[in-house]
Amino acid sequence: MTVLSASIMLAQNNTGPEFGKASPVGLVIIVLLLIGTALLVRSMNAHFKKLPASFEPEDPTPDQAADEGTDRGGFRPER
């Protein structure tokens, strides 16, 4: 195969009569994806509305040395 015959073979238009036409299945898939995205955005907005405006504590007292979330088995500084 020479360079000339390879370039001729690559230059041929090997597309059929259906080239470039989308099937209705593709449209259905895109519409379903758009509907799913809209439902997810709507659900996310509903969850955002349930969140408080601020996560600041209502009674800003100093933190305790140990509360329920403190890990007692963690790192201990050397004495």
Protein backbone atom coordinates (compact mmCIF):
# COMPACT_ATOMS: atom_id res chain seq x y z
CA MET A 1 0.00 0.00 0.00
CA THR A 2 1.51 3.26 -1.03
CA VAL A 3 0.97 6.67 0.45
CA LEU A 4 -1.16 7.67 -2.54
CA SER A 5 -3.52 4.71 -2.25
CA ALA A 6 -3.81 5.21 1.53
CA SER A 7 -4.72 8.88 1.10
CA ILE A 8 -7.31 8.03 -1.57
CA MET A 9 -8.87 5.42 0.70
CA LEU A 10 -9.02 7.86 3.62
CA ALA A 11 -10.48 10.63 1.44
CA GLN A 12 -13.46 8.54 0.33
CA ASN A 13 -16.78 9.42 1.89
CA ASN A 14 -17.80 6.22 3.70
CA THR A 15 -20.98 7.56 5.23
CA GLY A 16 -24.30 5.91 4.58
CA PRO A 17 -27.67 7.50 3.78
CA GLU A 18 -28.57 7.62 7.50
CA PHE A 19 -25.44 9.54 8.52
CA GLY A 20 -26.22 12.58 10.68
CA LYS A 21 -29.81 11.64 11.50
CA ALA A 22 -30.57 11.21 15.19
CA SER A 23 -32.95 8.52 16.34
CA PRO A 24 -36.03 9.29 18.46
CA VAL A 25 -34.48 7.20 21.23
CA GLY A 26 -31.77 9.84 21.66
CA LEU A 27 -34.42 12.52 22.10
CA VAL A 28 -36.23 10.43 24.72
CA ILE A 29 -32.98 9.90 26.63
CA ILE A 30 -32.17 13.62 26.62
CA VAL A 31 -35.70 14.54 27.75
CA LEU A 32 -35.54 11.97 30.58
CA LEU A 33 -32.16 13.33 31.69
CA LEU A 34 -33.53 16.89 31.72
CA ILE A 35 -36.58 15.82 33.74
CA GLY A 36 -34.36 13.96 36.22
CA THR A 37 -32.08 16.98 36.58
CA ALA A 38 -35.06 19.28 37.18
CA LEU A 39 -36.41 16.94 39.87
CA LEU A 40 -33.01 16.78 41.57
CA VAL A 41 -32.68 20.58 41.58
CA ARG A 42 -36.20 20.91 43.00
CA SER A 43 -35.43 18.41 45.75
CA MET A 44 -32.14 20.13 46.55
CA ASN A 45 -33.89 23.49 46.88
CA ALA A 46 -36.44 21.97 49.26
CA HIS A 47 -33.61 20.62 51.42
CA PHE A 48 -31.83 24.00 51.38
CA LYS A 49 -35.00 25.72 52.62
CA LYS A 50 -35.02 23.41 55.67
CA LEU A 51 -31.50 24.49 56.70
CA PRO A 52 -31.11 27.18 59.34
CA ALA A 53 -29.93 30.61 58.26
CA SER A 54 -26.85 30.32 60.46
CA PHE A 55 -25.09 27.45 62.19
CA GLU A 56 -23.84 29.68 65.00
CA PRO A 57 -24.76 28.45 68.49
CA GLU A 58 -27.60 30.34 70.12
CA ASP A 59 -25.76 30.54 73.44
CA PRO A 60 -22.12 31.35 72.59
CA THR A 61 -20.45 29.97 75.73
CA PRO A 62 -16.82 28.82 75.72
CA ASP A 63 -16.29 25.25 74.60
CA GLN A 64 -15.96 22.67 77.31
CA ALA A 65 -12.74 20.70 77.73
CA ALA A 66 -14.51 17.53 76.69
CA ASP A 67 -17.92 17.07 75.22
CA GLU A 68 -19.75 14.18 73.59
CA GLY A 69 -17.73 14.53 70.38
CA THR A 70 -14.26 14.50 71.97
CA ASP A 71 -12.12 11.46 71.19
CA ARG A 72 -10.39 10.29 74.37
CA GLY A 73 -8.15 7.78 72.58
CA GLY A 74 -6.52 10.26 70.24
CA PHE A 75 -3.16 12.02 70.27
CA ARG A 76 -1.72 12.91 73.69
CA PRO A 77 1.10 15.43 73.96
CA GLU A 78 4.32 14.31 75.69
CA ARG A 79 4.78 15.54 79.28
